[in-house]
């Protein structure tokens, strides 16, 4: 009986490990491109246009399934006129914006 309990525990551990690896691979397949890592200050005074353009270019070149342009909250981004265009590797590009940010044009 004790051997059966140990076997069930072992099998459960193996199953959960496989599920965790599968979940981690799905998360890793989506790439996030935060404009602040490209030099955007978000202080409302510094021109962040070039950072947005560079981040968008990397989003378009990315080969993951769901590339995402991330615009962090609680910042004011000063940008000039921008056209976000491709060609992009994928037809769907996500833009993640949260409340509480401002884009000054």
PDB file of N, CA and C in Angstrom:
ATOM      1  N   UNK A   1       0.823  -1.193   0.000  1.00  0.00           N
ATOM      2  CA  UNK A   1       0.000   0.000   0.000  1.00  0.00           C
ATOM      3  C   UNK A   1       0.868   1.258   0.000  1.00  0.00           C
ATOM      4  N   UNK A   2       1.923   1.247   0.815  1.00  0.00           N
ATOM      5  CA  UNK A   2       2.802   2.414   0.888  1.00  0.00           C
ATOM      6  C   UNK A   2       3.494   2.652  -0.452  1.00  0.00           C
ATOM      7  N   UNK A   3       3.854   1.538  -1.151  1.00  0.00           N
ATOM      8  CA  UNK A   3       4.490   1.682  -2.461  1.00  0.00           C
ATOM      9  C   UNK A   3       3.536   2.318  -3.463  1.00  0.00           C
ATOM     10  N   UNK A   4       2.251   1.989  -3.387  1.00  0.00           N
ATOM     11  CA  UNK A   4       1.244   2.559  -4.282  1.00  0.00           C
ATOM     12  C   UNK A   4       1.098   4.064  -4.034  1.00  0.00           C
ATOM     13  N   UNK A   5       1.116   4.461  -2.777  1.00  0.00           N
ATOM     14  CA  UNK A   5       1.012   5.886  -2.435  1.00  0.00           C
ATOM     15  C   UNK A   5       2.233   6.635  -2.959  1.00  0.00           C
ATOM     16  N   UNK A   6       3.420   6.048  -2.799  1.00  0.00           N
ATOM     17  CA  UNK A   6       4.640   6.687  -3.301  1.00  0.00           C
ATOM     18  C   UNK A   6       4.613   6.788  -4.825  1.00  0.00           C
ATOM     19  N   UNK A   7       4.125   5.745  -5.498  1.00  0.00           N
ATOM     20  CA  UNK A   7       4.034   5.754  -6.957  1.00  0.00           C
ATOM     21  C   UNK A   7       3.061   6.830  -7.420  1.00  0.00           C
ATOM     22  N   UNK A   8       1.912   6.942  -6.748  1.00  0.00           N
ATOM     23  CA  UNK A   8       0.939   7.976  -7.113  1.00  0.00           C
ATOM     24  C   UNK A   8       1.530   9.371  -6.900  1.00  0.00           C
ATOM     25  N   UNK A   9       2.232   9.550  -5.809  1.00  0.00           N
ATOM     26  CA  UNK A   9       2.875  10.840  -5.543  1.00  0.00           C
ATOM     27  C   UNK A   9       3.922  11.171  -6.595  1.00  0.00           C
ATOM     28  N   UNK A  10       4.699  10.159  -6.980  1.00  0.00           N
ATOM     29  CA  UNK A  10       5.721  10.355  -8.004  1.00  0.00           C
ATOM     30  C   UNK A  10       5.086  10.718  -9.340  1.00  0.00           C
ATOM     31  N   UNK A  11       4.030   9.992  -9.721  1.00  0.00           N
ATOM     32  CA  UNK A  11       3.355  10.271 -10.989  1.00  0.00           C
ATOM     33  C   UNK A  11       2.731  11.669 -10.993  1.00  0.00           C
ATOM     34  N   UNK A  12       2.174  12.076  -9.866  1.00  0.00           N
ATOM     35  CA  UNK A  12       1.605  13.418  -9.754  1.00  0.00           C
ATOM     36  C   UNK A  12       2.701  14.473  -9.911  1.00  0.00           C
ATOM     37  N   UNK A  13       3.842  14.233  -9.301  1.00  0.00           N
ATOM     38  CA  UNK A  13       4.967  15.158  -9.414  1.00  0.00           C
ATOM     39  C   UNK A  13       5.446  15.265 -10.862  1.00  0.00           C
ATOM     40  N   UNK A  14       5.551  14.136 -11.557  1.00  0.00           N
ATOM     41  CA  UNK A  14       5.962  14.137 -12.963  1.00  0.00           C
ATOM     42  C   UNK A  14       4.944  14.903 -13.805  1.00  0.00           C
ATOM     43  N   UNK A  15       3.654  14.661 -13.577  1.00  0.00           N
ATOM     44  CA  UNK A  15       2.593  15.339 -14.327  1.00  0.00           C
ATOM     45  C   UNK A  15       2.657  16.849 -14.120  1.00  0.00           C
ATOM     46  N   UNK A  16       2.798  17.281 -12.875  1.00  0.00           N
ATOM     47  CA  UNK A  16       2.855  18.714 -12.585  1.00  0.00           C
ATOM     48  C   UNK A  16       4.105  19.353 -13.184  1.00  0.00           C
ATOM     49  N   UNK A  17       5.210  18.629 -13.196  1.00  0.00           N
ATOM     50  CA  UNK A  17       6.438  19.150 -13.801  1.00  0.00           C
ATOM     51  C   UNK A  17       6.264  19.352 -15.297  1.00  0.00           C
ATOM     52  N   UNK A  18       5.620  18.396 -15.960  1.00  0.00           N
ATOM     53  CA  UNK A  18       5.366  18.518 -17.398  1.00  0.00           C
ATOM     54  C   UNK A  18       4.447  19.701 -17.677  1.00  0.00           C
ATOM     55  N   UNK A  19       3.409  19.865 -16.870  1.00  0.00           N
ATOM     56  CA  UNK A  19       2.493  21.002 -17.042  1.00  0.00           C
ATOM     57  C   UNK A  19       3.232  22.316 -16.856  1.00  0.00           C
ATOM     58  N   UNK A  20       4.105  22.382 -15.877  1.00  0.00           N
ATOM     59  CA  UNK A  20       4.862  23.603 -15.614  1.00  0.00           C
ATOM     60  C   UNK A  20       5.789  23.934 -16.777  1.00  0.00           C
ATOM     61  N   UNK A  21       6.458  22.941 -17.326  1.00  0.00           N
ATOM     62  CA  UNK A  21       7.345  23.165 -18.471  1.00  0.00           C
ATOM     63  C   UNK A  21       6.537  23.644 -19.665  1.00  0.00           C
ATOM     64  N   UNK A  22       5.397  23.020 -19.926  1.00  0.00           N
ATOM     65  CA  UNK A  22       4.546  23.419 -21.041  1.00  0.00           C
ATOM     66  C   UNK A  22       4.080  24.855 -20.882  1.00  0.00           C
ATOM     67  N   UNK A  23       3.663  25.233 -19.682  1.00  0.00           N
ATOM     68  CA  UNK A  23       3.189  26.589 -19.411  1.00  0.00           C
ATOM     69  C   UNK A  23       4.322  27.591 -19.587  1.00  0.00           C
ATOM     70  N   UNK A  24       5.518  27.248 -19.130  1.00  0.00           N
ATOM     71  CA  UNK A  24       6.668  28.146 -19.254  1.00  0.00           C
ATOM     72  C   UNK A  24       7.035  28.379 -20.708  1.00  0.00           C
ATOM     73  N   UNK A  25       6.941  27.354 -21.535  1.00  0.00           N
ATOM     74  CA  UNK A  25       7.253  27.498 -22.953  1.00  0.00           C
ATOM     75  C   UNK A  25       6.259  28.434 -23.618  1.00  0.00           C
ATOM     76  N   UNK A  26       4.975  28.356 -23.274  1.00  0.00           N
ATOM     77  CA  UNK A  26       3.976  29.244 -23.855  1.00  0.00           C
ATOM     78  C   UNK A  26       4.245  30.686 -23.456  1.00  0.00           C
ATOM     79  N   UNK A  27       4.624  30.913 -22.222  1.00  0.00           N
ATOM     80  CA  UNK A  27       4.921  32.271 -21.774  1.00  0.00           C
ATOM     81  C   UNK A  27       6.145  32.798 -22.513  1.00  0.00           C
ATOM     82  N   UNK A  28       7.151  31.964 -22.674  1.00  0.00           N
ATOM     83  CA  UNK A  28       8.378  32.398 -23.329  1.00  0.00           C
ATOM     84  C   UNK A  28       8.166  32.689 -24.806  1.00  0.00           C
ATOM     85  N   UNK A  29       7.115  32.121 -25.410  1.00  0.00           N
ATOM     86  CA  UNK A  29       6.902  32.333 -26.833  1.00  0.00           C
ATOM     87  C   UNK A  29       6.351  33.717 -27.138  1.00  0.00           C
ATOM     88  N   UNK A  30       5.887  34.433 -26.132  1.00  0.00           N
ATOM     89  CA  UNK A  30       5.406  35.798 -26.333  1.00  0.00           C
ATOM     90  C   UNK A  30       6.486  36.769 -25.871  1.00  0.00           C
ATOM     91  N   UNK A  31       6.820  37.744 -26.714  1.00  0.00           N
ATOM     92  CA  UNK A  31       7.862  38.709 -26.377  1.00  0.00           C
ATOM     93  C   UNK A  31       7.244  40.057 -26.059  1.00  0.00           C
ATOM     94  N   UNK A  32       7.740  40.684 -25.008  1.00  0.00           N
ATOM     95  CA  UNK A  32       7.288  42.016 -24.618  1.00  0.00           C
ATOM     96  C   UNK A  32       8.388  43.022 -24.911  1.00  0.00           C
ATOM     97  N   UNK A  33       8.004  44.149 -25.486  1.00  0.00           N
ATOM     98  CA  UNK A  33       8.939  45.209 -25.832  1.00  0.00           C
ATOM     99  C   UNK A  33       8.486  46.482 -25.133  1.00  0.00           C
ATOM    100  N   UNK A  34       9.078  46.736 -23.969  1.00  0.00           N
ATOM    101  CA  UNK A  34       8.737  47.891 -23.141  1.00  0.00           C
ATOM    102  C   UNK A  34       9.474  49.113 -23.684  1.00  0.00           C
ATOM    103  N   UNK A  35       8.733  50.176 -23.993  1.00  0.00           N
ATOM    104  CA  UNK A  35       9.349  51.363 -24.592  1.00  0.00           C
ATOM    105  C   UNK A  35      10.411  51.987 -23.688  1.00  0.00           C
ATOM    106  N   UNK A  36      10.307  51.784 -22.382  1.00  0.00           N
ATOM    107  CA  UNK A  36      11.304  52.371 -21.479  1.00  0.00           C
ATOM    108  C   UNK A  36      12.660  51.678 -21.603  1.00  0.00           C
ATOM    109  N   UNK A  37      12.681  50.421 -22.030  1.00  0.00           N
ATOM    110  CA  UNK A  37      13.964  49.746 -22.241  1.00  0.00           C
ATOM    111  C   UNK A  37      14.648  50.239 -23.511  1.00  0.00           C
ATOM    112  N   UNK A  38      13.930  50.979 -24.333  1.00  0.00           N
ATOM    113  CA  UNK A  38      14.485  51.565 -25.552  1.00  0.00           C
ATOM    114  C   UNK A  38      14.853  53.032 -25.350  1.00  0.00           C
ATOM    115  N   UNK A  39      14.776  53.490 -24.116  1.00  0.00           N
ATOM    116  CA  UNK A  39      15.204  54.841 -23.800  1.00  0.00           C
ATOM    117  C   UNK A  39      14.094  55.842 -23.552  1.00  0.00           C
ATOM    118  N   UNK A  40      12.837  55.444 -23.654  1.00  0.00           N
ATOM    119  CA  UNK A  40      11.737  56.373 -23.369  1.00  0.00           C
ATOM    120  C   UNK A  40      11.760  56.731 -21.888  1.00  0.00           C
ATOM    121  N   UNK A  41      11.706  58.015 -21.593  1.00  0.00           N
ATOM    122  CA  UNK A  41      11.759  58.484 -20.202  1.00  0.00           C
ATOM    123  C   UNK A  41      10.373  58.558 -19.573  1.00  0.00           C
ATOM    124  N   UNK A  42       9.396  58.980 -20.337  1.00  0.00           N
ATOM    125  CA  UNK A  42       8.046  59.077 -19.779  1.00  0.00           C
ATOM    126  C   UNK A  42       7.903  60.181 -18.757  1.00  0.00           C
ATOM    127  N   UNK A  43       8.734  61.230 -18.885  1.00  0.00           N
ATOM    128  CA  UNK A  43       8.663  62.322 -17.914  1.00  0.00           C
ATOM    129  C   UNK A  43       7.887  63.532 -18.438  1.00  0.00           C
ATOM    130  N   UNK A  44       7.386  63.448 -19.667  1.00  0.00           N
ATOM    131  CA  UNK A  44       6.602  64.537 -20.242  1.00  0.00           C
ATOM    132  C   UNK A  44       7.435  65.659 -20.827  1.00  0.00           C
ATOM    133  N   UNK A  45       8.762  65.601 -20.685  1.00  0.00           N
ATOM    134  CA  UNK A  45       9.645  66.663 -21.183  1.00  0.00           C
ATOM    135  C   UNK A  45      10.613  66.156 -22.247  1.00  0.00           C
ATOM    136  N   UNK A  46      11.065  64.919 -22.097  1.00  0.00           N
ATOM    137  CA  UNK A  46      12.029  64.334 -23.024  1.00  0.00           C
ATOM    138  C   UNK A  46      11.288  63.756 -24.221  1.00  0.00           C
ATOM    139  N   UNK A  47      11.808  63.992 -25.425  1.00  0.00           N
ATOM    140  CA  UNK A  47      11.188  63.452 -26.634  1.00  0.00           C
ATOM    141  C   UNK A  47      11.418  61.939 -26.683  1.00  0.00           C
ATOM    142  N   UNK A  48      10.337  61.176 -26.591  1.00  0.00           N
ATOM    143  CA  UNK A  48      10.406  59.712 -26.565  1.00  0.00           C
ATOM    144  C   UNK A  48      10.129  59.081 -27.929  1.00  0.00           C
ATOM    145  N   UNK A  49      10.052  59.896 -28.973  1.00  0.00           N
ATOM    146  CA  UNK A  49       9.680  59.397 -30.301  1.00  0.00           C
ATOM    147  C   UNK A  49      10.615  58.296 -30.780  1.00  0.00           C
ATOM    148  N   UNK A  50      11.922  58.511 -30.702  1.00  0.00           N
ATOM    149  CA  UNK A  50      12.883  57.518 -31.208  1.00  0.00           C
ATOM    150  C   UNK A  50      12.773  56.196 -30.464  1.00  0.00           C
ATOM    151  N   UNK A  51      12.520  56.243 -29.171  1.00  0.00           N
ATOM    152  CA  UNK A  51      12.374  55.009 -28.391  1.00  0.00           C
ATOM    153  C   UNK A  51      11.156  54.217 -28.861  1.00  0.00           C
ATOM    154  N   UNK A  52      10.048  54.908 -29.135  1.00  0.00           N
ATOM    155  CA  UNK A  52       8.853  54.231 -29.632  1.00  0.00           C
ATOM    156  C   UNK A  52       9.113  53.618 -31.006  1.00  0.00           C
ATOM    157  N   UNK A  53       9.823  54.337 -31.872  1.00  0.00           N
ATOM    158  CA  UNK A  53      10.133  53.827 -33.211  1.00  0.00           C
ATOM    159  C   UNK A  53      11.019  52.587 -33.118  1.00  0.00           C
ATOM    160  N   UNK A  54      12.049  52.624 -32.263  1.00  0.00           N
ATOM    161  CA  UNK A  54      12.942  51.463 -32.111  1.00  0.00           C
ATOM    162  C   UNK A  54      12.206  50.261 -31.525  1.00  0.00           C
ATOM    163  N   UNK A  55      11.363  50.500 -30.530  1.00  0.00           N
ATOM    164  CA  UNK A  55      10.599  49.397 -29.932  1.00  0.00           C
ATOM    165  C   UNK A  55       9.666  48.781 -30.968  1.00  0.00           C
ATOM    166  N   UNK A  56       8.992  49.622 -31.751  1.00  0.00           N
ATOM    167  CA  UNK A  56       8.076  49.117 -32.778  1.00  0.00           C
ATOM    168  C   UNK A  56       8.834  48.303 -33.825  1.00  0.00           C
ATOM    169  N   UNK A  57      10.020  48.751 -34.215  1.00  0.00           N
ATOM    170  CA  UNK A  57      10.815  48.013 -35.199  1.00  0.00           C
ATOM    171  C   UNK A  57      11.157  46.622 -34.679  1.00  0.00           C
ATOM    172  N   UNK A  58      11.514  46.511 -33.405  1.00  0.00           N
ATOM    173  CA  UNK A  58      11.808  45.195 -32.829  1.00  0.00           C
ATOM    174  C   UNK A  58      10.556  44.340 -32.708  1.00  0.00           C
ATOM    175  N   UNK A  59       9.427  44.961 -32.401  1.00  0.00           N
ATOM    176  CA  UNK A  59       8.160  44.212 -32.366  1.00  0.00           C
ATOM    177  C   UNK A  59       7.910  43.599 -33.738  1.00  0.00           C
ATOM    178  N   UNK A  60       8.096  44.375 -34.783  1.00  0.00           N
ATOM    179  CA  UNK A  60       7.830  43.882 -36.138  1.00  0.00           C
ATOM    180  C   UNK A  60       8.810  42.799 -36.575  1.00  0.00           C
ATOM    181  N   UNK A  61      10.037  42.867 -36.095  1.00  0.00           N
ATOM    182  CA  UNK A  61      11.039  41.854 -36.459  1.00  0.00           C
ATOM    183  C   UNK A  61      10.934  40.584 -35.630  1.00  0.00           C
ATOM    184  N   UNK A  62      10.227  40.647 -34.517  1.00  0.00           N
ATOM    185  CA  UNK A  62      10.171  39.520 -33.584  1.00  0.00           C
ATOM    186  C   UNK A  62       9.503  38.307 -34.218  1.00  0.00           C
ATOM    187  N   UNK A  63       9.997  37.131 -33.876  1.00  0.00           N
ATOM    188  CA  UNK A  63       9.471  35.892 -34.450  1.00  0.00           C
ATOM    189  C   UNK A  63       8.581  35.110 -33.493  1.00  0.00           C
ATOM    190  N   UNK A  64       8.303  35.668 -32.316  1.00  0.00           N
ATOM    191  CA  UNK A  64       7.416  34.959 -31.387  1.00  0.00           C
ATOM    192  C   UNK A  64       5.979  35.075 -31.880  1.00  0.00           C
ATOM    193  N   UNK A  65       5.100  34.333 -31.256  1.00  0.00           N
ATOM    194  CA  UNK A  65       3.708  34.306 -31.717  1.00  0.00           C
ATOM    195  C   UNK A  65       2.941  35.583 -31.421  1.00  0.00           C
ATOM    196  N   UNK A  66       3.200  36.205 -30.301  1.00  0.00           N
ATOM    197  CA  UNK A  66       2.421  37.369 -29.884  1.00  0.00           C
ATOM    198  C   UNK A  66       3.319  38.496 -29.392  1.00  0.00           C
ATOM    199  N   UNK A  67       4.043  39.153 -30.289  1.00  0.00           N
ATOM    200  CA  UNK A  67       4.867  40.262 -29.810  1.00  0.00           C
ATOM    201  C   UNK A  67       3.982  41.380 -29.269  1.00  0.00           C
ATOM    202  N   UNK A  68       4.439  42.007 -28.192  1.00  0.00           N
ATOM    203  CA  UNK A  68       3.634  43.029 -27.519  1.00  0.00           C
ATOM    204  C   UNK A  68       4.470  44.278 -27.272  1.00  0.00           C
ATOM    205  N   UNK A  69       3.951  45.417 -27.708  1.00  0.00           N
ATOM    206  CA  UNK A  69       4.543  46.708 -27.389  1.00  0.00           C
ATOM    207  C   UNK A  69       3.955  47.147 -26.058  1.00  0.00           C
ATOM    208  N   UNK A  70       4.806  47.328 -25.060  1.00  0.00           N
ATOM    209  CA  UNK A  70       4.339  47.658 -23.713  1.00  0.00           C
ATOM    210  C   UNK A  70       4.588  49.137 -23.437  1.00  0.00           C
ATOM    211  N   UNK A  71       3.508  49.842 -23.065  1.00  0.00           N
ATOM    212  CA  UNK A  71       3.590  51.241 -22.656  1.00  0.00           C
ATOM    213  C   UNK A  71       3.224  51.272 -21.180  1.00  0.00           C
ATOM    214  N   UNK A  72       4.212  51.463 -20.297  1.00  0.00           N
ATOM    215  CA  UNK A  72       3.960  51.342 -18.861  1.00  0.00           C
ATOM    216  C   UNK A  72       3.061  52.459 -18.316  1.00  0.00           C
ATOM    217  N   UNK A  73       2.361  52.165 -17.230  1.00  0.00           N
ATOM    218  CA  UNK A  73       1.457  53.150 -16.622  1.00  0.00           C
ATOM    219  C   UNK A  73       2.207  54.209 -15.818  1.00  0.00           C
ATOM    220  N   UNK A  74       1.470  55.237 -15.439  1.00  0.00           N
ATOM    221  CA  UNK A  74       1.952  56.320 -14.574  1.00  0.00           C
ATOM    222  C   UNK A  74       3.137  57.084 -15.165  1.00  0.00           C
ATOM    223  N   UNK A  75       3.122  57.273 -16.470  1.00  0.00           N
ATOM    224  CA  UNK A  75       4.165  58.040 -17.147  1.00  0.00           C
ATOM    225  C   UNK A  75       3.510  58.945 -18.183  1.00  0.00           C
ATOM    226  N   UNK A  76       4.212  60.001 -18.567  1.00  0.00           N
ATOM    227  CA  UNK A  76       3.762  60.898 -19.633  1.00  0.00           C
ATOM    228  C   UNK A  76       4.804  60.863 -20.741  1.00  0.00           C
ATOM    229  N   UNK A  77       4.447  60.282 -21.873  1.00  0.00           N
ATOM    230  CA  UNK A  77       5.376  60.138 -22.987  1.00  0.00           C
ATOM    231  C   UNK A  77       5.174  61.277 -23.975  1.00  0.00           C
ATOM    232  N   UNK A  78       6.243  61.984 -24.283  1.00  0.00           N
ATOM    233  CA  UNK A  78       6.219  63.053 -25.264  1.00  0.00           C
ATOM    234  C   UNK A  78       6.713  62.472 -26.582  1.00  0.00           C
ATOM    235  N   UNK A  79       5.826  62.416 -27.580  1.00  0.00           N
ATOM    236  CA  UNK A  79       6.210  61.865 -28.880  1.00  0.00           C
ATOM    237  C   UNK A  79       5.741  62.797 -29.989  1.00  0.00           C
ATOM    238  N   UNK A  80       6.499  62.794 -31.073  1.00  0.00           N
ATOM    239  CA  UNK A  80       6.118  63.534 -32.264  1.00  0.00           C
ATOM    240  C   UNK A  80       5.271  62.643 -33.154  1.00  0.00           C
ATOM    241  N   UNK A  81       4.982  63.107 -34.361  1.00  0.00           N
ATOM    242  CA  UNK A  81       4.183  62.285 -35.286  1.00  0.00           C
ATOM    243  C   UNK A  81       4.896  60.963 -35.590  1.00  0.00           C
ATOM    244  N   UNK A  82       4.174  59.868 -35.461  1.00  0.00           N
ATOM    245  CA  UNK A  82       4.715  58.527 -35.729  1.00  0.00           C
ATOM    246  C   UNK A  82       3.697  57.760 -36.555  1.00  0.00           C
ATOM    247  N   UNK A  83       4.189  56.997 -37.507  1.00  0.00           N
ATOM    248  CA  UNK A  83       3.345  56.035 -38.211  1.00  0.00           C
ATOM    249  C   UNK A  83       3.879  54.659 -37.863  1.00  0.00           C
ATOM    250  N   UNK A  84       3.068  53.867 -37.180  1.00  0.00           N
ATOM    251  CA  UNK A  84       3.453  52.498 -36.858  1.00  0.00           C
ATOM    252  C   UNK A  84       3.039  51.631 -38.040  1.00  0.00           C
ATOM    253  N   UNK A  85       4.023  51.163 -38.794  1.00  0.00           N
ATOM    254  CA  UNK A  85       3.705  50.353 -39.961  1.00  0.00           C
ATOM    255  C   UNK A  85       4.703  49.215 -40.069  1.00  0.00           C
ATOM    256  N   UNK A  86       4.438  48.296 -40.973  1.00  0.00           N
ATOM    257  CA  UNK A  86       5.257  47.117 -41.156  1.00  0.00           C
ATOM    258  C   UNK A  86       6.244  47.301 -42.285  1.00  0.00           C
ATOM    259  N   UNK A  87       6.651  46.216 -42.862  1.00  0.00           N
ATOM    260  CA  UNK A  87       6.053  44.900 -42.678  1.00  0.00           C
ATOM    261  C   UNK A  87       6.464  44.268 -41.349  1.00  0.00           C
ATOM    262  N   UNK A  88       5.552  43.503 -40.797  1.00  0.00           N
ATOM    263  CA  UNK A  88       5.804  42.784 -39.554  1.00  0.00           C
ATOM    264  C   UNK A  88       5.741  41.289 -39.819  1.00  0.00           C
ATOM    265  N   UNK A  89       6.446  40.520 -38.995  1.00  0.00           N
ATOM    266  CA  UNK A  89       6.482  39.064 -39.161  1.00  0.00           C
ATOM    267  C   UNK A  89       5.106  38.437 -38.974  1.00  0.00           C
ATOM    268  N   UNK A  90       4.289  39.028 -38.087  1.00  0.00           N
ATOM    269  CA  UNK A  90       2.973  38.474 -37.802  1.00  0.00           C
ATOM    270  C   UNK A  90       1.906  39.510 -38.077  1.00  0.00           C
ATOM    271  N   UNK A  91       0.721  39.043 -38.393  1.00  0.00           N
ATOM    272  CA  UNK A  91      -0.395  39.942 -38.677  1.00  0.00           C
ATOM    273  C   UNK A  91      -0.933  40.594 -37.416  1.00  0.00           C
ATOM    274  N   UNK A  92      -0.740  39.948 -36.286  1.00  0.00           N
ATOM    275  CA  UNK A  92      -1.271  40.464 -35.029  1.00  0.00           C
ATOM    276  C   UNK A  92      -0.126  40.944 -34.148  1.00  0.00           C
ATOM    277  N   UNK A  93      -0.179  42.201 -33.797  1.00  0.00           N
ATOM    278  CA  UNK A  93       0.766  42.781 -32.849  1.00  0.00           C
ATOM    279  C   UNK A  93      -0.065  43.399 -31.744  1.00  0.00           C
ATOM    280  N   UNK A  94       0.269  43.077 -30.507  1.00  0.00           N
ATOM    281  CA  UNK A  94      -0.486  43.606 -29.377  1.00  0.00           C
ATOM    282  C   UNK A  94       0.203  44.852 -28.827  1.00  0.00           C
ATOM    283  N   UNK A  95      -0.612  45.790 -28.382  1.00  0.00           N
ATOM    284  CA  UNK A  95      -0.104  46.963 -27.684  1.00  0.00           C
ATOM    285  C   UNK A  95      -0.717  46.932 -26.298  1.00  0.00           C
ATOM    286  N   UNK A  96       0.123  46.818 -25.280  1.00  0.00           N
ATOM    287  CA  UNK A  96      -0.354  46.736 -23.898  1.00  0.00           C
ATOM    288  C   UNK A  96      -0.230  48.104 -23.254  1.00  0.00           C
ATOM    289  N   UNK A  97      -1.389  48.680 -22.968  1.00  0.00           N
ATOM    290  CA  UNK A  97      -1.424  49.981 -22.304  1.00  0.00           C
ATOM    291  C   UNK A  97      -2.306  49.848 -21.082  1.00  0.00           C
ATOM    292  N   UNK A  98      -1.877  50.420 -20.012  1.00  0.00           N
ATOM    293  CA  UNK A  98      -2.679  50.435 -18.805  1.00  0.00           C
ATOM    294  C   UNK A  98      -3.169  51.851 -18.598  1.00  0.00           C
ATOM    295  N   UNK A  99      -4.170  51.992 -17.781  1.00  0.00           N
ATOM    296  CA  UNK A  99      -4.650  53.326 -17.447  1.00  0.00           C
ATOM    297  C   UNK A  99      -3.530  54.116 -16.782  1.00  0.00           C
ATOM    298  N   UNK A 100      -3.721  55.377 -16.669  1.00  0.00           N
ATOM    299  CA  UNK A 100      -2.803  56.250 -15.939  1.00  0.00           C
ATOM    300  C   UNK A 100      -1.484  56.497 -16.658  1.00  0.00           C
ATOM    301  N   UNK A 101      -1.529  56.656 -17.959  1.00  0.00           N
ATOM    302  CA  UNK A 101      -0.361  57.163 -18.658  1.00  0.00           C
ATOM    303  C   UNK A 101      -0.856  58.213 -19.635  1.00  0.00           C
ATOM    304  N   UNK A 102       0.036  59.076 -20.070  1.00  0.00           N
ATOM    305  CA  UNK A 102      -0.322  60.160 -20.973  1.00  0.00           C
ATOM    306  C   UNK A 102       0.658  60.173 -22.129  1.00  0.00           C
ATOM    307  N   UNK A 103       0.137  60.348 -23.330  1.00  0.00           N
ATOM    308  CA  UNK A 103       0.998  60.553 -24.486  1.00  0.00           C
ATOM    309  C   UNK A 103       0.786  61.989 -24.937  1.00  0.00           C
ATOM    310  N   UNK A 104       1.839  62.782 -24.885  1.00  0.00           N
ATOM    311  CA  UNK A 104       1.782  64.186 -25.290  1.00  0.00           C
ATOM    312  C   UNK A 104       2.301  64.294 -26.713  1.00  0.00           C
ATOM    313  N   UNK A 105       1.501  64.857 -27.591  1.00  0.00           N
ATOM    314  CA  UNK A 105       1.893  64.980 -28.997  1.00  0.00           C
ATOM    315  C   UNK A 105       2.086  66.437 -29.335  1.00  0.00           C
TER     316      UNK A 105
END
